[in-house]
Amino acid sequence: DPAREVALLEHAAVDIVFAPRVAALYPPEDTTRVTVEGLTRQLEGASRPGHLDGLTTVMLKLVHLVGPARLYMGQRHAQQVVIVRRMLRDLFLNVELVVCPTVRDDDGLALSSANALLGIEERHAATCLYNALNAARTAYDAGERSAEVLRWRMSDVLAAEPRARVDYVSVADAETLAELQRVSGPAVALVAAWIGRARLTDNMPLAGDVA
């Protein structure tokens, strides 16, 4: 919704909006794609083939076109943060990545444009993602280090919500996103599920600074 986004940016006293047309960023002869090997094929990459390659490609284009000193991303898209950080490092791009905390509603649901697709009952059901992550975090804080047990805790919470169709439940290394057997360093819990027409994702750090 470009009009709404521009209005929000005006309210935030933004001076300039760079909004090129799709055809300008993706001309007909465009065939180059950027792949961060090992990171763009799992989790979201497995569920939405090509999506993360598209992310890295357009992100690289925007960095080259705009030449920013800083790039701001939300922790809610944890996999995207990991991938873009690796791309910036591997390609020697002189851009500082600033990771912003996930913004949540009062009941814990992460704010997302996808939430607009939720009906009243679905909106209530959608809190199961946050509750599942909280269950894993609570178990971790109580001393649980088995990643399999932490995944079970999340899966149990999601299974209790009949409106949720689970895509994936993950406890992964915060840097490589490799699935863990045991949490012994920086790690993140990630979930994705369909609630009605909305596909929702969320995550929560379990250990270490993953931002």
N, C-alpha and C. Protein backbone atom coordinates (compact mmCIF):
# COMPACT_ATOMS: atom_id res chain seq x y z
N ASP A 1 0.86 -1.19 0.00
CA ASP A 1 0.00 0.00 0.00
C ASP A 1 0.90 1.24 0.00
N PRO A 2 1.42 1.63 -1.16
CA PRO A 2 2.38 2.75 -1.22
C PRO A 2 1.84 4.05 -0.63
N ALA A 3 0.56 4.36 -0.89
CA ALA A 3 0.00 5.62 -0.39
C ALA A 3 0.01 5.66 1.13
N ARG A 4 -0.37 4.55 1.74
CA ARG A 4 -0.38 4.50 3.20
C ARG A 4 1.04 4.60 3.75
N GLU A 5 1.98 3.91 3.10
CA GLU A 5 3.36 3.93 3.56
C GLU A 5 3.96 5.34 3.46
N VAL A 6 3.66 6.04 2.37
CA VAL A 6 4.16 7.40 2.21
C VAL A 6 3.57 8.31 3.29
N ALA A 7 2.29 8.11 3.60
CA ALA A 7 1.66 8.91 4.65
C ALA A 7 2.34 8.68 6.00
N LEU A 8 2.66 7.43 6.28
CA LEU A 8 3.36 7.12 7.54
C LEU A 8 4.74 7.76 7.57
N LEU A 9 5.42 7.75 6.44
CA LEU A 9 6.75 8.35 6.36
C LEU A 9 6.67 9.87 6.52
N GLU A 10 5.65 10.47 5.95
CA GLU A 10 5.46 11.91 6.13
C GLU A 10 5.25 12.25 7.60
N HIS A 11 4.45 11.42 8.28
CA HIS A 11 4.19 11.63 9.71
C HIS A 11 5.48 11.50 10.52
N ALA A 12 6.40 10.68 10.03
CA ALA A 12 7.68 10.49 10.72
C ALA A 12 8.72 11.51 10.29
N ALA A 13 8.29 12.51 9.52
CA ALA A 13 9.17 13.61 9.08
C ALA A 13 10.30 13.14 8.17
N VAL A 14 10.01 12.11 7.36
CA VAL A 14 10.98 11.65 6.36
C VAL A 14 11.05 12.67 5.22
N ASP A 15 12.26 12.94 4.76
CA ASP A 15 12.45 13.96 3.73
C ASP A 15 12.31 13.41 2.31
N ILE A 16 12.82 12.20 2.09
CA ILE A 16 12.88 11.66 0.73
C ILE A 16 12.41 10.19 0.74
N VAL A 17 11.60 9.85 -0.24
CA VAL A 17 11.19 8.46 -0.43
C VAL A 17 11.69 8.01 -1.80
N PHE A 18 12.44 6.92 -1.82
CA PHE A 18 12.93 6.35 -3.07
C PHE A 18 12.02 5.18 -3.43
N ALA A 19 11.18 5.36 -4.44
CA ALA A 19 10.20 4.34 -4.80
C ALA A 19 10.19 4.12 -6.31
N PRO A 20 11.21 3.46 -6.81
CA PRO A 20 11.29 3.22 -8.26
C PRO A 20 10.21 2.26 -8.73
N ARG A 21 9.85 2.37 -9.98
CA ARG A 21 8.88 1.44 -10.56
C ARG A 21 9.50 0.04 -10.67
N VAL A 22 8.64 -0.95 -10.64
CA VAL A 22 9.10 -2.34 -10.73
C VAL A 22 9.94 -2.54 -11.99
N ALA A 23 9.49 -1.99 -13.10
CA ALA A 23 10.19 -2.18 -14.38
C ALA A 23 11.59 -1.57 -14.36
N ALA A 24 11.78 -0.55 -13.51
CA ALA A 24 13.11 0.07 -13.42
C ALA A 24 14.08 -0.83 -12.67
N LEU A 25 13.61 -1.50 -11.63
CA LEU A 25 14.47 -2.40 -10.85
C LEU A 25 14.62 -3.76 -11.51
N TYR A 26 13.60 -4.18 -12.26
CA TYR A 26 13.61 -5.50 -12.90
C TYR A 26 13.31 -5.35 -14.40
N PRO A 27 14.27 -4.83 -15.18
CA PRO A 27 14.04 -4.71 -16.62
C PRO A 27 13.89 -6.09 -17.25
N PRO A 28 13.29 -6.16 -18.43
CA PRO A 28 13.02 -7.46 -19.07
C PRO A 28 14.27 -8.32 -19.24
N GLU A 29 15.41 -7.70 -19.47
CA GLU A 29 16.64 -8.47 -19.72
C GLU A 29 17.37 -8.86 -18.43
N ASP A 30 16.78 -8.54 -17.29
CA ASP A 30 17.42 -8.80 -15.99
C ASP A 30 17.47 -10.30 -15.70
N THR A 31 18.68 -10.85 -15.56
CA THR A 31 18.83 -12.28 -15.29
C THR A 31 19.73 -12.59 -14.10
N THR A 32 20.31 -11.58 -13.48
CA THR A 32 21.25 -11.80 -12.38
C THR A 32 20.50 -11.98 -11.06
N ARG A 33 20.90 -12.99 -10.29
CA ARG A 33 20.32 -13.22 -8.97
C ARG A 33 21.45 -13.42 -7.97
N VAL A 34 21.23 -12.97 -6.76
CA VAL A 34 22.23 -13.09 -5.70
C VAL A 34 21.76 -14.18 -4.72
N THR A 35 22.60 -15.16 -4.53
CA THR A 35 22.28 -16.26 -3.61
C THR A 35 23.33 -16.32 -2.51
N VAL A 36 22.87 -16.32 -1.28
CA VAL A 36 23.77 -16.52 -0.15
C VAL A 36 23.72 -18.01 0.17
N GLU A 37 24.69 -18.72 -0.35
CA GLU A 37 24.69 -20.18 -0.31
C GLU A 37 24.55 -20.68 1.12
N GLY A 38 23.64 -21.65 1.29
CA GLY A 38 23.45 -22.26 2.60
C GLY A 38 22.46 -21.55 3.49
N LEU A 39 22.05 -20.34 3.12
CA LEU A 39 21.14 -19.57 3.98
C LEU A 39 19.81 -19.24 3.30
N THR A 40 19.76 -19.29 1.98
CA THR A 40 18.54 -18.89 1.29
C THR A 40 17.70 -20.08 0.84
N ARG A 41 18.06 -21.29 1.26
CA ARG A 41 17.32 -22.48 0.84
C ARG A 41 16.53 -23.13 1.98
N GLN A 42 16.76 -22.71 3.22
CA GLN A 42 16.11 -23.35 4.36
C GLN A 42 15.04 -22.44 4.96
N LEU A 43 14.22 -23.00 5.86
CA LEU A 43 13.16 -22.26 6.53
C LEU A 43 12.30 -21.52 5.50
N GLU A 44 12.35 -20.20 5.46
CA GLU A 44 11.54 -19.45 4.50
C GLU A 44 11.91 -19.81 3.06
N GLY A 45 13.18 -20.10 2.83
CA GLY A 45 13.62 -20.46 1.49
C GLY A 45 13.02 -21.77 1.02
N ALA A 46 12.82 -22.70 1.94
CA ALA A 46 12.22 -23.98 1.58
C ALA A 46 10.72 -23.84 1.34
N SER A 47 10.08 -22.98 2.13
CA SER A 47 8.63 -22.79 2.00
C SER A 47 8.26 -21.88 0.85
N ARG A 48 9.15 -20.94 0.53
CA ARG A 48 8.88 -19.96 -0.53
C ARG A 48 10.08 -19.91 -1.48
N PRO A 49 10.24 -20.93 -2.34
CA PRO A 49 11.41 -21.01 -3.20
C PRO A 49 11.63 -19.74 -4.02
N GLY A 50 12.87 -19.25 -4.00
CA GLY A 50 13.22 -18.07 -4.77
C GLY A 50 13.00 -16.76 -4.03
N HIS A 51 12.20 -16.78 -2.97
CA HIS A 51 11.86 -15.54 -2.26
C HIS A 51 13.10 -14.86 -1.68
N LEU A 52 13.96 -15.63 -1.03
CA LEU A 52 15.12 -15.03 -0.36
C LEU A 52 16.20 -14.63 -1.36
N ASP A 53 16.30 -15.33 -2.48
CA ASP A 53 17.20 -14.87 -3.54
C ASP A 53 16.72 -13.54 -4.10
N GLY A 54 15.41 -13.38 -4.18
CA GLY A 54 14.86 -12.11 -4.61
C GLY A 54 15.17 -11.00 -3.62
N LEU A 55 15.11 -11.35 -2.32
CA LEU A 55 15.43 -10.37 -1.28
C LEU A 55 16.86 -9.88 -1.41
N THR A 56 17.81 -10.81 -1.50
CA THR A 56 19.21 -10.41 -1.56
C THR A 56 19.51 -9.64 -2.84
N THR A 57 18.88 -10.03 -3.93
CA THR A 57 19.11 -9.35 -5.19
C THR A 57 18.64 -7.90 -5.14
N VAL A 58 17.41 -7.69 -4.68
CA VAL A 58 16.89 -6.32 -4.65
C VAL A 58 17.59 -5.50 -3.57
N MET A 59 18.00 -6.15 -2.48
CA MET A 59 18.71 -5.42 -1.43
C MET A 59 20.05 -4.91 -1.95
N LEU A 60 20.76 -5.75 -2.70
CA LEU A 60 22.04 -5.33 -3.28
C LEU A 60 21.83 -4.19 -4.28
N LYS A 61 20.79 -4.29 -5.09
CA LYS A 61 20.49 -3.22 -6.04
C LYS A 61 20.23 -1.90 -5.30
N LEU A 62 19.43 -1.96 -4.24
CA LEU A 62 19.09 -0.74 -3.50
C LEU A 62 20.31 -0.14 -2.81
N VAL A 63 21.16 -1.00 -2.26
CA VAL A 63 22.38 -0.50 -1.61
C VAL A 63 23.26 0.23 -2.63
N HIS A 64 23.39 -0.35 -3.82
CA HIS A 64 24.21 0.30 -4.85
C HIS A 64 23.58 1.60 -5.34
N LEU A 65 22.27 1.61 -5.48
CA LEU A 65 21.59 2.80 -6.01
C LEU A 65 21.54 3.94 -5.00
N VAL A 66 21.31 3.61 -3.73
CA VAL A 66 21.12 4.64 -2.70
C VAL A 66 22.43 5.01 -2.02
N GLY A 67 23.32 4.04 -1.82
CA GLY A 67 24.58 4.31 -1.13
C GLY A 67 24.39 4.69 0.32
N PRO A 68 23.61 3.93 1.09
CA PRO A 68 23.32 4.31 2.47
C PRO A 68 24.50 4.04 3.40
N ALA A 69 24.55 4.82 4.48
CA ALA A 69 25.53 4.55 5.53
C ALA A 69 25.01 3.44 6.44
N ARG A 70 23.69 3.39 6.61
CA ARG A 70 23.07 2.39 7.49
C ARG A 70 21.88 1.74 6.80
N LEU A 71 21.68 0.48 7.15
CA LEU A 71 20.53 -0.27 6.66
C LEU A 71 19.78 -0.79 7.88
N TYR A 72 18.51 -0.44 7.99
CA TYR A 72 17.72 -0.83 9.15
C TYR A 72 16.80 -1.99 8.80
N MET A 73 16.84 -3.05 9.61
CA MET A 73 15.97 -4.21 9.42
C MET A 73 15.38 -4.61 10.76
N GLY A 74 14.21 -5.23 10.70
CA GLY A 74 13.54 -5.67 11.92
C GLY A 74 13.92 -7.08 12.31
N GLN A 75 14.06 -7.32 13.59
CA GLN A 75 14.40 -8.65 14.10
C GLN A 75 13.30 -9.67 13.79
N ARG A 76 12.07 -9.19 13.51
CA ARG A 76 10.99 -10.13 13.20
C ARG A 76 11.35 -11.00 12.00
N HIS A 77 12.12 -10.44 11.07
CA HIS A 77 12.57 -11.21 9.92
C HIS A 77 14.00 -11.70 10.19
N ALA A 78 14.13 -12.57 11.17
CA ALA A 78 15.46 -12.99 11.64
C ALA A 78 16.29 -13.63 10.54
N GLN A 79 15.67 -14.46 9.71
CA GLN A 79 16.43 -15.12 8.65
C GLN A 79 16.94 -14.09 7.64
N GLN A 80 16.11 -13.11 7.31
CA GLN A 80 16.54 -12.07 6.38
C GLN A 80 17.72 -11.28 6.97
N VAL A 81 17.67 -11.01 8.26
CA VAL A 81 18.76 -10.29 8.92
C VAL A 81 20.07 -11.07 8.79
N VAL A 82 20.03 -12.37 9.06
CA VAL A 82 21.22 -13.20 8.96
C VAL A 82 21.76 -13.21 7.54
N ILE A 83 20.86 -13.34 6.56
CA ILE A 83 21.27 -13.42 5.16
C ILE A 83 21.88 -12.11 4.69
N VAL A 84 21.23 -11.00 5.01
CA VAL A 84 21.74 -9.70 4.55
C VAL A 84 23.06 -9.37 5.24
N ARG A 85 23.19 -9.71 6.52
CA ARG A 85 24.47 -9.48 7.21
C ARG A 85 25.59 -10.23 6.52
N ARG A 86 25.34 -11.48 6.14
CA ARG A 86 26.35 -12.28 5.46
C ARG A 86 26.67 -11.69 4.08
N MET A 87 25.65 -11.26 3.36
CA MET A 87 25.89 -10.68 2.04
C MET A 87 26.73 -9.42 2.14
N LEU A 88 26.40 -8.54 3.09
CA LEU A 88 27.17 -7.31 3.26
C LEU A 88 28.63 -7.62 3.57
N ARG A 89 28.85 -8.63 4.40
CA ARG A 89 30.21 -9.00 4.77
C ARG A 89 30.95 -9.64 3.60
N ASP A 90 30.30 -10.58 2.94
CA ASP A 90 30.97 -11.33 1.87
C ASP A 90 31.31 -10.44 0.68
N LEU A 91 30.48 -9.44 0.40
CA LEU A 91 30.69 -8.59 -0.77
C LEU A 91 31.37 -7.27 -0.40
N PHE A 92 31.86 -7.17 0.83
CA PHE A 92 32.61 -5.99 1.28
C PHE A 92 31.82 -4.69 1.07
N LEU A 93 30.54 -4.73 1.41
CA LEU A 93 29.71 -3.54 1.27
C LEU A 93 29.83 -2.70 2.54
N ASN A 94 30.19 -1.46 2.37
CA ASN A 94 30.46 -0.58 3.50
C ASN A 94 29.16 0.03 4.02
N VAL A 95 28.32 -0.84 4.59
CA VAL A 95 27.02 -0.44 5.12
C VAL A 95 26.87 -1.03 6.52
N GLU A 96 26.46 -0.21 7.46
CA GLU A 96 26.22 -0.68 8.82
C GLU A 96 24.80 -1.23 8.91
N LEU A 97 24.67 -2.48 9.33
CA LEU A 97 23.35 -3.09 9.51
C LEU A 97 22.87 -2.83 10.93
N VAL A 98 21.72 -2.17 11.06
CA VAL A 98 21.12 -1.88 12.36
C VAL A 98 19.86 -2.72 12.49
N VAL A 99 19.82 -3.60 13.49
CA VAL A 99 18.68 -4.49 13.68
C VAL A 99 17.76 -3.90 14.75
N CYS A 100 16.52 -3.68 14.38
CA CYS A 100 15.54 -3.07 15.29
C CYS A 100 14.69 -4.16 15.95
N PRO A 101 14.35 -3.97 17.24
CA PRO A 101 13.55 -4.98 17.95
C PRO A 101 12.19 -5.20 17.28
N THR A 102 11.67 -6.40 17.40
CA THR A 102 10.35 -6.71 16.90
C THR A 102 9.31 -5.88 17.65
N VAL A 103 8.43 -5.24 16.91
CA VAL A 103 7.35 -4.45 17.52
C VAL A 103 6.14 -5.36 17.67
N ARG A 104 5.58 -5.41 18.88
CA ARG A 104 4.48 -6.33 19.17
C ARG A 104 3.26 -5.58 19.68
N ASP A 105 2.10 -6.19 19.45
CA ASP A 105 0.87 -5.68 20.04
C ASP A 105 0.86 -6.07 21.52
N ASP A 106 -0.16 -5.59 22.23
CA ASP A 106 -0.21 -5.84 23.68
C ASP A 106 -0.26 -7.32 24.02
N ASP A 107 -0.86 -8.13 23.14
CA ASP A 107 -0.96 -9.57 23.41
C ASP A 107 0.23 -10.35 22.86
N GLY A 108 1.24 -9.65 22.35
CA GLY A 108 2.46 -10.31 21.91
C GLY A 108 2.55 -10.55 20.41
N LEU A 109 1.45 -10.43 19.69
CA LEU A 109 1.50 -10.68 18.25
C LEU A 109 2.40 -9.66 17.57
N ALA A 110 3.35 -10.15 16.78
CA ALA A 110 4.25 -9.27 16.06
C ALA A 110 3.48 -8.48 15.01
N LEU A 111 3.74 -7.18 14.93
CA LEU A 111 3.07 -6.36 13.94
C LEU A 111 3.53 -6.75 12.54
N SER A 112 2.57 -6.89 11.63
CA SER A 112 2.87 -7.31 10.27
C SER A 112 1.72 -6.89 9.38
N SER A 113 2.04 -6.58 8.12
CA SER A 113 0.98 -6.25 7.17
C SER A 113 0.06 -7.43 6.95
N ALA A 114 0.56 -8.65 7.17
CA ALA A 114 -0.26 -9.85 7.00
C ALA A 114 -1.39 -9.92 8.02
N ASN A 115 -1.24 -9.23 9.14
CA ASN A 115 -2.28 -9.26 10.18
C ASN A 115 -3.60 -8.69 9.68
N ALA A 116 -3.54 -7.85 8.64
CA ALA A 116 -4.76 -7.26 8.10
C ALA A 116 -5.67 -8.31 7.46
N LEU A 117 -5.12 -9.48 7.16
CA LEU A 117 -5.90 -10.56 6.56
C LEU A 117 -6.66 -11.37 7.60
N LEU A 118 -6.41 -11.12 8.87
CA LEU A 118 -7.00 -11.91 9.94
C LEU A 118 -8.37 -11.40 10.35
N GLY A 119 -9.33 -12.34 10.48
CA GLY A 119 -10.61 -12.01 11.08
C GLY A 119 -10.45 -11.90 12.58
N ILE A 120 -11.54 -11.56 13.28
CA ILE A 120 -11.48 -11.35 14.72
C ILE A 120 -11.00 -12.60 15.45
N GLU A 121 -11.61 -13.75 15.15
CA GLU A 121 -11.23 -15.00 15.81
C GLU A 121 -9.84 -15.43 15.38
N GLU A 122 -9.50 -15.21 14.12
CA GLU A 122 -8.16 -15.56 13.64
C GLU A 122 -7.11 -14.69 14.30
N ARG A 123 -7.44 -13.43 14.51
CA ARG A 123 -6.50 -12.52 15.19
C ARG A 123 -6.17 -13.04 16.58
N HIS A 124 -7.17 -13.52 17.29
CA HIS A 124 -6.93 -14.09 18.62
C HIS A 124 -6.10 -15.37 18.51
N ALA A 125 -6.41 -16.19 17.52
CA ALA A 125 -5.68 -17.46 17.34
C ALA A 125 -4.22 -17.22 17.01
N ALA A 126 -3.94 -16.11 16.32
CA ALA A 126 -2.58 -15.84 15.85
C ALA A 126 -1.59 -15.65 17.00
N THR A 127 -2.08 -15.37 18.19
CA THR A 127 -1.16 -15.21 19.33
C THR A 127 -0.47 -16.52 19.68
N CYS A 128 -0.90 -17.62 19.09
CA CYS A 128 -0.27 -18.91 19.40
C CYS A 128 1.20 -18.91 18.98
N LEU A 129 1.56 -18.12 17.96
CA LEU A 129 2.97 -18.08 17.55
C LEU A 129 3.83 -17.50 18.67
N TYR A 130 3.40 -16.36 19.21
CA TYR A 130 4.15 -15.73 20.30
C TYR A 130 4.14 -16.63 21.53
N ASN A 131 3.00 -17.25 21.82
CA ASN A 131 2.92 -18.13 22.98
C ASN A 131 3.85 -19.33 22.84
N ALA A 132 3.97 -19.84 21.62
CA ALA A 132 4.87 -20.97 21.38
C ALA A 132 6.32 -20.56 21.62
N LEU A 133 6.70 -19.41 21.10
CA LEU A 133 8.06 -18.91 21.32
C LEU A 133 8.33 -18.66 22.80
N ASN A 134 7.33 -18.13 23.48
CA ASN A 134 7.48 -17.89 24.92
C ASN A 134 7.67 -19.20 25.68
N ALA A 135 6.99 -20.25 25.23
CA ALA A 135 7.13 -21.55 25.89
C ALA A 135 8.55 -22.06 25.77
N ALA A 136 9.14 -21.87 24.58
CA ALA A 136 10.53 -22.29 24.39
C ALA A 136 11.47 -21.44 25.23
N ARG A 137 11.24 -20.14 25.26
CA ARG A 137 12.11 -19.24 26.02
C ARG A 137 12.01 -19.53 27.51
N THR A 138 10.81 -19.80 27.99
CA THR A 138 10.63 -20.12 29.41
C THR A 138 11.37 -21.40 29.77
N ALA A 139 11.26 -22.41 28.90
CA ALA A 139 11.96 -23.67 29.15
C ALA A 139 13.46 -23.47 29.12
N TYR A 140 13.93 -22.66 28.16
CA TYR A 140 15.37 -22.38 28.08
C TYR A 140 15.85 -21.67 29.35
N ASP A 141 15.11 -20.67 29.77
CA ASP A 141 15.49 -19.92 30.97
C ASP A 141 15.48 -20.80 32.21
N ALA A 142 14.67 -21.87 32.17
CA ALA A 142 14.61 -22.80 33.31
C ALA A 142 15.72 -23.85 33.26
N GLY A 143 16.54 -23.80 32.21
CA GLY A 143 17.69 -24.70 32.13
C GLY A 143 17.66 -25.74 31.03
N GLU A 144 16.57 -25.78 30.25
CA GLU A 144 16.48 -26.76 29.17
C GLU A 144 17.42 -26.36 28.03
N ARG A 145 18.26 -27.29 27.59
CA ARG A 145 19.20 -27.01 26.52
C ARG A 145 19.02 -27.94 25.31
N SER A 146 18.14 -28.92 25.41
CA SER A 146 17.88 -29.80 24.28
C SER A 146 17.02 -29.05 23.27
N ALA A 147 17.55 -28.87 22.07
CA ALA A 147 16.80 -28.16 21.04
C ALA A 147 15.55 -28.93 20.65
N GLU A 148 15.63 -30.26 20.69
CA GLU A 148 14.47 -31.07 20.35
C GLU A 148 13.34 -30.84 21.34
N VAL A 149 13.67 -30.78 22.62
CA VAL A 149 12.66 -30.53 23.64
C VAL A 149 12.05 -29.13 23.44
N LEU A 150 12.87 -28.17 23.13
CA LEU A 150 12.38 -26.81 22.90
C LEU A 150 11.44 -26.76 21.69
N ARG A 151 11.78 -27.52 20.65
CA ARG A 151 10.89 -27.59 19.50
C ARG A 151 9.57 -28.25 19.87
N TRP A 152 9.63 -29.29 20.72
CA TRP A 152 8.41 -29.95 21.19
C TRP A 152 7.52 -28.98 21.94
N ARG A 153 8.13 -28.15 22.78
CA ARG A 153 7.35 -27.18 23.56
C ARG A 153 6.58 -26.25 22.64
N MET A 154 7.26 -25.77 21.60
CA MET A 154 6.59 -24.88 20.66
C MET A 154 5.51 -25.61 19.87
N SER A 155 5.83 -26.82 19.42
CA SER A 155 4.87 -27.60 18.63
C SER A 155 3.61 -27.90 19.43
N ASP A 156 3.75 -28.18 20.72
CA ASP A 156 2.60 -28.47 21.57
C ASP A 156 1.66 -27.28 21.66
N VAL A 157 2.23 -26.09 21.79
CA VAL A 157 1.41 -24.87 21.89
C VAL A 157 0.68 -24.64 20.57
N LEU A 158 1.38 -24.79 19.47
CA LEU A 158 0.76 -24.57 18.16
C LEU A 158 -0.31 -25.62 17.87
N ALA A 159 -0.06 -26.86 18.28
CA ALA A 159 -1.02 -27.94 18.04
C ALA A 159 -2.32 -27.72 18.80
N ALA A 160 -2.25 -26.98 19.90
CA ALA A 160 -3.44 -26.72 20.71
C ALA A 160 -4.35 -25.67 20.07
N GLU A 161 -3.88 -25.00 19.03
CA GLU A 161 -4.69 -23.99 18.36
C GLU A 161 -5.22 -24.58 17.04
N PRO A 162 -6.52 -24.91 16.98
CA PRO A 162 -7.06 -25.59 15.80
C PRO A 162 -7.00 -24.76 14.52
N ARG A 163 -6.89 -23.46 14.62
CA ARG A 163 -6.85 -22.62 13.43
C ARG A 163 -5.45 -22.52 12.83
N ALA A 164 -4.45 -23.02 13.52
CA ALA A 164 -3.07 -22.90 13.07
C ALA A 164 -2.66 -24.08 12.20
N ARG A 165 -2.11 -23.79 11.02
CA ARG A 165 -1.53 -24.82 10.16
C ARG A 165 -0.02 -24.55 10.12
N VAL A 166 0.71 -25.37 10.84
CA VAL A 166 2.13 -25.12 11.05
C VAL A 166 2.94 -25.37 9.79
N ASP A 167 3.82 -24.44 9.48
CA ASP A 167 4.76 -24.60 8.37
C ASP A 167 6.06 -25.17 8.91
N TYR A 168 6.69 -24.48 9.86
CA TYR A 168 7.90 -25.01 10.47
C TYR A 168 8.06 -24.51 11.89
N VAL A 169 8.81 -25.29 12.66
CA VAL A 169 9.21 -24.95 14.03
C VAL A 169 10.71 -25.22 14.10
N SER A 170 11.48 -24.23 14.52
CA SER A 170 12.93 -24.35 14.44
C SER A 170 13.62 -23.79 15.68
N VAL A 171 14.70 -24.45 16.06
CA VAL A 171 15.65 -23.90 17.03
C VAL A 171 17.00 -23.97 16.33
N ALA A 172 17.52 -22.80 15.97
CA ALA A 172 18.67 -22.76 15.06
C ALA A 172 19.80 -21.90 15.60
N ASP A 173 20.98 -22.18 15.09
CA ASP A 173 22.14 -21.35 15.37
C ASP A 173 21.87 -19.93 14.86
N ALA A 174 22.16 -18.94 15.66
CA ALA A 174 21.81 -17.56 15.32
C ALA A 174 22.60 -17.01 14.14
N GLU A 175 23.73 -17.62 13.82
CA GLU A 175 24.56 -17.11 12.72
C GLU A 175 24.40 -17.91 11.44
N THR A 176 24.26 -19.23 11.57
CA THR A 176 24.20 -20.08 10.38
C THR A 176 22.79 -20.58 10.08
N LEU A 177 21.88 -20.47 11.06
CA LEU A 177 20.51 -20.97 10.97
C LEU A 177 20.45 -22.49 10.84
N ALA A 178 21.55 -23.16 11.14
CA ALA A 178 21.56 -24.62 11.15
C ALA A 178 20.75 -25.11 12.34
N GLU A 179 19.95 -26.14 12.12
CA GLU A 179 19.16 -26.71 13.21
C GLU A 179 20.09 -27.28 14.28
N LEU A 180 19.76 -27.03 15.52
CA LEU A 180 20.60 -27.45 16.63
C LEU A 180 20.08 -28.71 17.29
N GLN A 181 20.99 -29.48 17.84
CA GLN A 181 20.61 -30.58 18.72
C GLN A 181 20.62 -30.12 20.17
N ARG A 182 21.55 -29.21 20.46
CA ARG A 182 21.67 -28.68 21.81
C ARG A 182 22.05 -27.20 21.73
N VAL A 183 21.45 -26.39 22.56
CA VAL A 183 21.73 -24.96 22.57
C VAL A 183 22.92 -24.70 23.49
N SER A 184 24.03 -24.29 22.89
CA SER A 184 25.24 -24.03 23.67
C SER A 184 25.85 -22.67 23.33
N GLY A 185 25.18 -21.92 22.48
CA GLY A 185 25.65 -20.60 22.09
C GLY A 185 24.48 -19.79 21.58
N PRO A 186 24.75 -18.67 20.90
CA PRO A 186 23.67 -17.84 20.38
C PRO A 186 22.71 -18.64 19.52
N ALA A 187 21.43 -18.59 19.86
CA ALA A 187 20.43 -19.38 19.16
C ALA A 187 19.13 -18.59 19.07
N VAL A 188 18.29 -19.03 18.14
CA VAL A 188 17.00 -18.36 17.96
C VAL A 188 15.94 -19.40 17.68
N ALA A 189 14.77 -19.19 18.26
CA ALA A 189 13.60 -20.03 17.99
C ALA A 189 12.77 -19.35 16.92
N LEU A 190 12.34 -20.12 15.91
CA LEU A 190 11.57 -19.55 14.80
C LEU A 190 10.34 -20.40 14.52
N VAL A 191 9.24 -19.74 14.18
CA VAL A 191 8.01 -20.46 13.84
C VAL A 191 7.36 -19.79 12.64
N ALA A 192 6.63 -20.58 11.87
CA ALA A 192 5.82 -20.06 10.76
C ALA A 192 4.55 -20.90 10.71
N ALA A 193 3.41 -20.24 10.52
CA ALA A 193 2.14 -20.95 10.48
C ALA A 193 1.12 -20.15 9.69
N TRP A 194 0.19 -20.87 9.09
CA TRP A 194 -0.95 -20.24 8.44
C TRP A 194 -2.08 -20.10 9.43
N ILE A 195 -2.66 -18.91 9.50
CA ILE A 195 -3.90 -18.67 10.25
C ILE A 195 -4.88 -18.10 9.23
N GLY A 196 -5.83 -18.92 8.80
CA GLY A 196 -6.71 -18.47 7.74
C GLY A 196 -5.92 -18.21 6.48
N ARG A 197 -6.06 -17.02 5.88
CA ARG A 197 -5.35 -16.67 4.65
C ARG A 197 -3.98 -16.09 4.91
N ALA A 198 -3.67 -15.84 6.17
CA ALA A 198 -2.41 -15.16 6.51
C ALA A 198 -1.33 -16.16 6.89
N ARG A 199 -0.18 -16.02 6.26
CA ARG A 199 0.98 -16.80 6.66
C ARG A 199 1.83 -15.91 7.56
N LEU A 200 1.99 -16.33 8.82
CA LEU A 200 2.67 -15.52 9.82
C LEU A 200 3.98 -16.17 10.24
N THR A 201 4.98 -15.34 10.48
CA THR A 201 6.27 -15.81 10.99
C THR A 201 6.63 -15.01 12.22
N ASP A 202 7.42 -15.61 13.08
CA ASP A 202 7.90 -14.90 14.27
C ASP A 202 9.13 -15.63 14.79
N ASN A 203 9.86 -14.98 15.66
CA ASN A 203 11.04 -15.60 16.24
C ASN A 203 11.38 -14.94 17.56
N MET A 204 12.26 -15.60 18.31
CA MET A 204 12.66 -15.08 19.61
C MET A 204 14.07 -15.57 19.94
N PRO A 205 14.98 -14.69 20.27
CA PRO A 205 16.32 -15.13 20.68
C PRO A 205 16.22 -16.00 21.94
N LEU A 206 17.03 -17.04 21.97
CA LEU A 206 17.09 -17.90 23.15
C LEU A 206 18.36 -17.67 23.95
N ALA A 207 19.44 -17.39 23.26
CA ALA A 207 20.71 -17.22 23.94
C ALA A 207 21.61 -16.31 23.12
N GLY A 208 22.31 -15.44 23.80
CA GLY A 208 23.27 -14.58 23.11
C GLY A 208 22.60 -13.43 22.40
N ASP A 209 23.40 -12.55 21.87
CA ASP A 209 22.95 -11.39 21.13
C ASP A 209 22.83 -11.76 19.66
N VAL A 210 21.61 -11.92 19.17
CA VAL A 210 21.40 -12.33 17.78
C VAL A 210 21.09 -11.14 16.89
N ALA A 211 21.11 -9.96 17.43
CA ALA A 211 20.75 -8.78 16.63
C ALA A 211 21.92 -8.36 15.75
